[in-house]
Amino acid sequence: MNVQKFIFDKEEVSINDGETSWKSPSNIALVKYWGKIGEQIPANPSISFTLNNCHTITTLKYKKAESLSFKVFVEGKREESFEPKIEKFLNRIKKYCSFIDYYAFEIHTQNTFPHSSGIASSASGLSALALCITSIEKTLDHSITEEYFKEKASFLARLGSGSACRSVYPELVVWGKNKSFENSSDLVAVPFDGAHNVFKDFQDTILLVDKGQKVVSSTVGHNLMHHHPFAKQRFEQAHQNLEKLKEALVSGDLKTFTAIVESEALTLHAMMMTSDPYFILMKPNTLKIIEEVWDYRKKHNLNLTITLDAGANVHLLYPKSEEKYAMNLINSSLIQFCENKSYICDEVGSGSEEI
């Protein structure tokens, strides 16, 4: 795939005022990407579950202007602290969306979950904004197909936040070139449609150990992989785990699914703890939850699976058929390790949606 296909090449367009709104979900990676090269290219491939309830709603208001300008509003309040990241994103996408130079934007956004706490808020937020911008492009070029629309939105979202490219699509989504997935790409995410039915209604209960902002951002963590002593082995491991996980997803092998997903989560945090400088994003209660889940799973022969993003919160994944057991464990034991006894019930979702 060539980046040239994503360059907006209409020379004469009618610039109009308007607004567009998109809802885009967060996602939880099963095989993690950690480390990137060049312009937001992943150092290793990844696969994720798109979520449903954890999402961002973004409305983009646009007016004809002499040059590009923008303001960001979070839940109705001007949020200038968000603007440097958005400015960086808009500057990156100019070469692919030249029309944005002729607009003044108001970006109104809100999340259904805590920002910067290890739930992928940048994934949902940047994908929602990318979808809004692609919607403007569609008003300027009516020949855009639905397939190209999603591809372009995924491509743009990646330039803002790597994992955001996966949030455009529903259910299981792959990002990064891997030989097991024929159409996989480093430039865009692609949906994976071949999974066993048991994964279609998988649940994700997010145990909020710490709702505060992370002490080290994901961007900093990714950059620390450039000179990491174990980076090469880690990137090779991710390819191997993705290939093995694909087999488990197709066959419905929940035991293998659990083994790979949990290993990936712990490896992600091991890379943080062995970087230079090293850092720890887990909290003591993160480890207590993991141990409780493992004990309960063994005792009842269940398929409860833990995973972590770059933060302290624990994602408890499980098939819908085990929901009763999972909620019993959460409410009888795990809730005590959550900040203010807070958790979010989520599930595999249907992807982004125009609203």
Protein backbone atom coordinates (compact mmCIF):
# COMPACT_ATOMS: atom_id res chain seq x y z
CA MET A 1 0.00 0.00 0.00
CA ASN A 2 1.30 3.43 -0.99
CA VAL A 3 0.70 6.63 0.99
CA GLN A 4 0.07 8.46 -2.29
CA LYS A 5 -3.42 6.96 -2.49
CA PHE A 6 -4.42 9.01 0.55
CA ILE A 7 -3.43 12.42 -0.82
CA PHE A 8 -6.43 14.65 -1.52
CA ASP A 9 -5.89 15.78 -5.11
CA LYS A 10 -8.97 17.80 -6.03
CA GLU A 11 -7.76 21.18 -7.27
CA GLU A 12 -11.09 22.98 -7.37
CA VAL A 13 -13.46 22.49 -4.46
CA SER A 14 -16.22 24.54 -2.88
CA ILE A 15 -15.32 25.27 0.74
CA ASN A 16 -18.48 25.45 2.85
CA ASP A 17 -19.34 25.85 6.53
CA GLY A 18 -20.80 22.94 8.46
CA GLU A 19 -20.38 20.41 11.22
CA THR A 20 -20.03 16.66 11.58
CA SER A 21 -20.15 14.31 14.58
CA TRP A 22 -18.70 10.85 15.15
CA LYS A 23 -18.68 8.41 18.01
CA SER A 24 -15.56 6.26 18.10
CA PRO A 25 -14.65 3.62 20.68
CA SER A 26 -11.53 2.80 22.59
CA ASN A 27 -9.91 -0.57 21.98
CA ILE A 28 -7.91 -3.04 24.03
CA ALA A 29 -4.90 -4.65 22.39
CA LEU A 30 -4.47 -8.41 22.79
CA VAL A 31 -1.06 -8.48 21.13
CA LYS A 32 0.55 -5.17 22.09
CA TYR A 33 2.45 -2.74 19.92
CA TRP A 34 5.21 -0.95 21.84
CA GLY A 35 7.72 1.04 19.88
CA LYS A 36 7.43 2.86 16.58
CA ILE A 37 9.60 4.09 13.74
CA GLY A 38 9.36 6.91 11.22
CA GLU A 39 5.99 8.61 10.90
CA GLN A 40 3.88 6.54 13.26
CA ILE A 41 4.87 3.14 11.84
CA PRO A 42 4.59 0.29 14.38
CA ALA A 43 7.76 -1.59 15.29
CA ASN A 44 5.60 -4.71 15.60
CA PRO A 45 2.05 -5.74 14.61
CA SER A 46 -0.89 -5.80 17.02
CA ILE A 47 -4.48 -6.99 17.27
CA SER A 48 -7.24 -5.56 19.43
CA PHE A 49 -10.82 -5.89 20.53
CA THR A 50 -12.83 -2.78 19.67
CA LEU A 51 -14.91 -1.82 22.69
CA ASN A 52 -18.46 -0.50 22.88
CA ASN A 53 -19.20 1.59 25.97
CA CYS A 54 -15.83 3.33 26.32
CA HIS A 55 -16.01 5.83 23.51
CA THR A 56 -15.42 9.45 22.53
CA ILE A 57 -18.04 11.66 20.90
CA THR A 58 -16.54 14.44 18.79
CA THR A 59 -18.31 17.21 16.93
CA LEU A 60 -16.21 19.16 14.45
CA LYS A 61 -17.59 22.59 13.52
CA TYR A 62 -15.90 24.21 10.53
CA LYS A 63 -16.02 27.58 8.83
CA LYS A 64 -14.31 28.92 5.73
CA ALA A 65 -11.17 30.86 6.66
CA GLU A 66 -8.00 32.36 5.18
CA SER A 67 -5.83 29.87 7.06
CA LEU A 68 -6.07 26.90 9.43
CA SER A 69 -7.02 27.61 13.04
CA PHE A 70 -8.70 25.58 15.75
CA LYS A 71 -9.92 25.49 19.34
CA VAL A 72 -10.55 22.41 21.49
CA PHE A 73 -13.46 22.11 23.91
CA VAL A 74 -13.76 19.18 26.32
CA GLU A 75 -17.24 18.71 27.76
CA GLY A 76 -18.06 22.29 26.74
CA LYS A 77 -14.99 23.92 28.29
CA ARG A 78 -12.02 25.30 26.30
CA GLU A 79 -9.06 23.01 26.92
CA GLU A 80 -5.88 24.65 25.67
CA SER A 81 -3.69 21.90 27.18
CA PHE A 82 -5.02 19.50 24.51
CA GLU A 83 -4.20 21.84 21.65
CA PRO A 84 -0.45 21.14 21.13
CA LYS A 85 -1.24 17.47 20.42
CA ILE A 86 -4.04 18.42 18.04
CA GLU A 87 -1.81 20.96 16.31
CA LYS A 88 0.84 18.27 15.78
CA PHE A 89 -1.81 15.96 14.34
CA LEU A 90 -3.24 18.57 11.97
CA ASN A 91 0.24 19.50 10.74
CA ARG A 92 0.97 15.82 10.04
CA ILE A 93 -2.16 15.30 7.99
CA LYS A 94 -1.94 18.50 5.90
CA LYS A 95 -0.11 16.74 3.08
CA TYR A 96 -3.01 14.26 2.81
CA CYS A 97 -5.85 16.72 3.51
CA SER A 98 -4.77 20.02 1.94
CA PHE A 99 -8.30 21.40 2.32
CA ILE A 100 -7.91 21.84 6.10
CA ASP A 101 -5.79 24.92 5.40
CA TYR A 102 -8.99 26.77 4.50
CA TYR A 103 -10.94 26.15 7.69
CA ALA A 104 -11.33 27.46 11.22
CA PHE A 105 -12.29 24.50 13.41
CA GLU A 106 -14.04 24.10 16.71
CA ILE A 107 -13.43 20.61 18.13
CA HIS A 108 -15.97 19.61 20.77
CA THR A 109 -15.25 16.29 22.46
CA GLN A 110 -16.25 14.20 25.44
CA ASN A 111 -15.32 10.76 26.78
CA THR A 112 -17.41 8.19 28.62
CA PHE A 113 -14.36 7.12 30.66
CA PRO A 114 -11.41 8.69 32.53
CA HIS A 115 -8.79 10.39 30.34
CA SER A 116 -5.08 9.34 30.42
CA SER A 117 -5.53 6.46 32.85
CA GLY A 118 -4.55 3.44 30.77
CA ILE A 119 -7.77 3.19 28.79
CA ALA A 120 -6.97 4.22 25.24
CA SER A 121 -8.49 7.72 25.24
CA SER A 122 -6.15 8.88 22.48
CA ALA A 123 -7.36 5.95 20.36
CA SER A 124 -11.01 6.92 20.61
CA GLY A 125 -10.39 10.66 20.52
CA LEU A 126 -8.04 10.80 17.54
CA SER A 127 -10.06 8.26 15.55
CA ALA A 128 -13.24 10.30 16.13
CA LEU A 129 -11.47 13.46 14.93
CA ALA A 130 -9.99 11.63 11.91
CA LEU A 131 -13.46 10.40 10.96
CA CYS A 132 -14.83 13.94 11.19
CA ILE A 133 -12.08 15.25 8.91
CA THR A 134 -12.66 12.42 6.45
CA SER A 135 -16.36 13.35 6.47
CA ILE A 136 -15.42 16.86 5.34
CA GLU A 137 -13.35 15.32 2.55
CA LYS A 138 -16.39 13.31 1.49
CA THR A 139 -18.40 16.52 1.11
CA LEU A 140 -15.66 17.81 -1.21
CA ASP A 141 -15.27 14.57 -3.19
CA HIS A 142 -18.49 12.63 -3.67
CA SER A 143 -16.69 9.78 -5.44
CA ILE A 144 -15.24 8.43 -2.17
CA THR A 145 -16.35 4.84 -1.50
CA GLU A 146 -17.24 3.53 1.96
CA GLU A 147 -14.17 1.25 1.89
CA TYR A 148 -11.84 4.13 1.03
CA PHE A 149 -13.53 6.35 3.63
CA LYS A 150 -12.70 3.90 6.44
CA GLU A 151 -9.18 3.33 5.09
CA LYS A 152 -8.46 7.05 4.91
CA ALA A 153 -9.87 7.63 8.40
CA SER A 154 -7.72 4.80 9.78
CA PHE A 155 -4.67 6.18 7.97
CA LEU A 156 -5.23 9.68 9.38
CA ALA A 157 -6.02 8.41 12.89
CA ARG A 158 -2.68 6.55 12.96
CA LEU A 159 -0.87 9.85 12.41
CA GLY A 160 -2.41 11.16 15.63
CA SER A 161 -2.21 8.03 17.78
CA GLY A 162 -1.04 4.64 16.55
CA SER A 163 -3.74 2.61 18.27
CA ALA A 164 -6.41 5.03 17.01
CA CYS A 165 -6.25 3.43 13.55
CA ARG A 166 -7.77 0.25 15.02
CA SER A 167 -10.77 2.03 16.58
CA VAL A 168 -12.31 2.82 13.19
CA TYR A 169 -13.31 -0.83 12.69
CA PRO A 170 -15.50 -3.27 14.69
CA GLU A 171 -14.62 -6.31 16.78
CA LEU A 172 -11.13 -7.73 16.08
CA VAL A 173 -8.72 -5.44 14.26
CA VAL A 174 -5.10 -5.94 13.10
CA TRP A 175 -2.54 -3.19 12.61
CA GLY A 176 0.97 -3.86 11.30
CA LYS A 177 2.30 -6.09 8.56
CA ASN A 178 2.34 -9.77 9.49
CA LYS A 179 2.59 -12.80 7.21
CA SER A 180 -0.44 -14.50 8.81
CA PHE A 181 -2.75 -11.70 7.69
CA GLU A 182 -2.63 -11.25 3.93
CA ASN A 183 -3.98 -7.70 3.77
CA SER A 184 -2.28 -6.39 6.91
CA SER A 185 -0.48 -3.06 6.67
CA ASP A 186 1.69 -0.70 8.69
CA LEU A 187 -0.26 2.26 7.27
CA VAL A 188 -3.83 1.32 8.19
CA ALA A 189 -5.68 -1.13 10.39
CA VAL A 190 -7.74 -3.95 8.88
CA PRO A 191 -10.67 -5.86 10.40
CA PHE A 192 -10.26 -9.58 11.06
CA ASP A 193 -13.48 -11.41 10.26
CA GLY A 194 -12.44 -15.01 10.77
CA ALA A 195 -12.85 -15.41 14.54
CA HIS A 196 -14.90 -18.12 16.25
CA ASN A 197 -18.36 -17.08 17.49
CA VAL A 198 -17.26 -17.28 21.14
CA PHE A 199 -15.31 -14.04 20.60
CA LYS A 200 -18.22 -12.13 19.03
CA ASP A 201 -19.77 -11.19 22.39
CA PHE A 202 -16.66 -11.20 24.58
CA GLN A 203 -16.94 -9.03 27.67
CA ASP A 204 -14.39 -6.58 29.07
CA THR A 205 -14.86 -5.31 32.61
CA ILE A 206 -12.31 -2.58 33.27
CA LEU A 207 -11.25 -2.45 36.91
CA LEU A 208 -10.26 1.15 37.64
CA VAL A 209 -7.32 0.80 39.99
CA ASP A 210 -6.14 4.36 39.33
CA LYS A 211 -8.18 7.02 37.51
CA GLY A 212 -5.37 9.58 37.54
CA GLN A 213 -3.04 10.58 34.73
CA LYS A 214 -0.15 8.21 34.01
CA VAL A 215 3.27 9.23 35.36
CA VAL A 216 4.87 8.36 32.01
CA SER A 217 3.01 8.91 28.73
CA SER A 218 2.72 6.22 26.08
CA THR A 219 4.62 8.47 23.65
CA VAL A 220 7.62 8.54 26.00
CA GLY A 221 7.34 4.78 26.54
CA HIS A 222 7.33 4.07 22.80
CA ASN A 223 10.44 6.21 22.31
CA LEU A 224 12.32 4.29 24.98
CA MET A 225 12.13 1.20 22.76
CA HIS A 226 14.67 2.69 20.31
CA HIS A 227 17.64 1.64 22.45
CA HIS A 228 15.97 -1.00 24.58
CA PRO A 229 18.23 -4.04 25.19
CA PHE A 230 15.37 -6.49 24.53
CA ALA A 231 13.60 -4.64 21.69
CA LYS A 232 14.59 -6.98 18.84
CA GLN A 233 13.49 -10.10 20.70
CA ARG A 234 10.25 -8.39 21.73
CA PHE A 235 9.35 -7.44 18.16
CA GLU A 236 9.98 -11.01 17.00
CA GLN A 237 7.90 -12.36 19.89
CA ALA A 238 4.95 -10.14 18.93
CA HIS A 239 4.92 -11.57 15.38
CA GLN A 240 5.00 -15.12 16.75
CA ASN A 241 2.27 -14.43 19.31
CA LEU A 242 0.05 -12.83 16.68
CA GLU A 243 0.34 -15.92 14.48
CA LYS A 244 -0.46 -18.24 17.40
CA LEU A 245 -3.33 -16.04 18.55
CA LYS A 246 -4.88 -16.07 15.09
CA GLU A 247 -5.10 -19.87 15.28
CA ALA A 248 -6.74 -19.66 18.71
CA LEU A 249 -9.21 -17.00 17.54
CA VAL A 250 -10.24 -19.10 14.53
CA SER A 251 -10.62 -22.35 16.48
CA GLY A 252 -12.12 -20.85 19.64
CA ASP A 253 -9.26 -22.14 21.79
CA LEU A 254 -9.83 -20.10 24.95
CA LYS A 255 -6.95 -21.61 26.94
CA THR A 256 -4.40 -20.58 24.29
CA PHE A 257 -6.11 -17.20 23.98
CA THR A 258 -5.66 -16.62 27.72
CA ALA A 259 -2.03 -17.73 27.74
CA ILE A 260 -1.01 -15.44 24.87
CA VAL A 261 -3.03 -12.40 25.95
CA GLU A 262 -1.77 -12.50 29.53
CA SER A 263 1.82 -13.06 28.44
CA GLU A 264 1.53 -10.06 26.12
CA ALA A 265 0.22 -7.83 28.93
CA LEU A 266 3.00 -8.80 31.30
CA THR A 267 5.64 -8.47 28.58
CA LEU A 268 4.45 -4.93 27.84
CA HIS A 269 5.03 -3.93 31.45
CA ALA A 270 8.29 -5.86 31.61
CA MET A 271 9.56 -3.72 28.73
CA MET A 272 8.70 -0.61 30.73
CA MET A 273 10.50 -1.94 33.78
CA THR A 274 13.67 -2.75 31.79
CA SER A 275 13.91 0.42 29.68
CA ASP A 276 16.38 3.24 30.39
CA PRO A 277 15.07 5.09 32.29
CA TYR A 278 12.85 2.36 33.73
CA PHE A 279 9.37 2.99 35.08
CA ILE A 280 6.41 1.15 36.59
CA LEU A 281 2.78 1.90 35.74
CA MET A 282 1.25 -0.97 37.72
CA LYS A 283 0.07 -0.31 41.27
CA PRO A 284 0.03 -2.76 44.20
CA ASN A 285 -3.71 -3.27 43.66
CA THR A 286 -3.05 -4.17 40.01
CA LEU A 287 -1.06 -7.18 41.18
CA LYS A 288 -3.64 -8.10 43.83
CA ILE A 289 -6.37 -8.20 41.18
CA ILE A 290 -4.25 -10.37 38.88
CA GLU A 291 -3.52 -12.86 41.66
CA GLU A 292 -7.19 -13.02 42.70
CA VAL A 293 -8.29 -13.66 39.10
CA TRP A 294 -5.72 -16.42 38.65
CA ASP A 295 -6.77 -18.16 41.89
CA TYR A 296 -10.48 -17.92 41.07
CA ARG A 297 -9.99 -19.07 37.49
CA LYS A 298 -8.07 -22.14 38.56
CA LYS A 299 -10.54 -23.01 41.29
CA HIS A 300 -13.58 -22.84 38.97
CA ASN A 301 -11.91 -23.90 35.69
CA LEU A 302 -12.87 -20.69 33.92
CA ASN A 303 -11.52 -18.59 31.04
CA LEU A 304 -11.24 -15.24 32.79
CA THR A 305 -8.31 -13.42 31.21
CA ILE A 306 -6.47 -10.32 32.38
CA THR A 307 -4.79 -7.76 30.18
CA LEU A 308 -3.35 -4.29 30.76
CA ASP A 309 -2.74 -1.28 28.59
CA ALA A 310 -0.05 1.27 29.49
CA GLY A 311 -1.52 1.96 32.92
CA ALA A 312 -2.56 0.45 36.23
CA ASN A 313 -6.12 -0.56 35.33
CA VAL A 314 -6.95 -4.20 34.69
CA HIS A 315 -9.12 -5.34 31.78
CA LEU A 316 -10.91 -8.57 32.72
CA LEU A 317 -11.85 -10.36 29.49
CA TYR A 318 -14.25 -13.30 29.44
CA PRO A 319 -16.84 -15.04 27.27
CA LYS A 320 -20.43 -13.94 27.80
CA SER A 321 -21.24 -17.41 29.16
CA GLU A 322 -18.97 -16.76 32.17
CA GLU A 323 -20.40 -13.34 33.02
CA LYS A 324 -22.10 -14.58 36.20
CA TYR A 325 -18.81 -15.93 37.58
CA ALA A 326 -16.88 -12.81 36.60
CA MET A 327 -19.33 -10.43 38.25
CA ASN A 328 -19.43 -12.56 41.37
CA LEU A 329 -15.64 -12.33 41.64
CA ILE A 330 -15.66 -8.58 40.99
CA ASN A 331 -18.35 -7.73 43.51
CA SER A 332 -17.19 -10.12 46.23
CA SER A 333 -13.44 -9.49 45.97
CA LEU A 334 -11.93 -7.35 43.21
CA ILE A 335 -13.99 -4.21 43.87
CA GLN A 336 -12.00 -3.50 47.04
CA PHE A 337 -8.88 -2.94 44.92
CA CYS A 338 -10.57 -0.38 42.64
CA GLU A 339 -10.44 3.37 43.24
CA ASN A 340 -13.79 4.31 44.84
CA LYS A 341 -14.95 0.77 43.98
CA SER A 342 -15.22 1.82 40.34
CA TYR A 343 -15.32 -0.38 37.28
CA ILE A 344 -16.71 -0.15 33.75
CA CYS A 345 -18.64 -2.97 32.10
CA ASP A 346 -17.84 -3.12 28.41
CA GLU A 347 -17.90 -5.60 25.55
CA VAL A 348 -16.71 -6.14 22.01
CA GLY A 349 -18.29 -3.40 19.90
CA SER A 350 -19.37 -2.55 16.38
CA GLY A 351 -16.84 0.21 15.74
CA SER A 352 -17.20 3.89 14.91
CA GLU A 353 -20.55 5.49 14.07
CA GLU A 354 -21.62 8.80 12.57
CA ILE A 355 -24.12 10.62 14.76
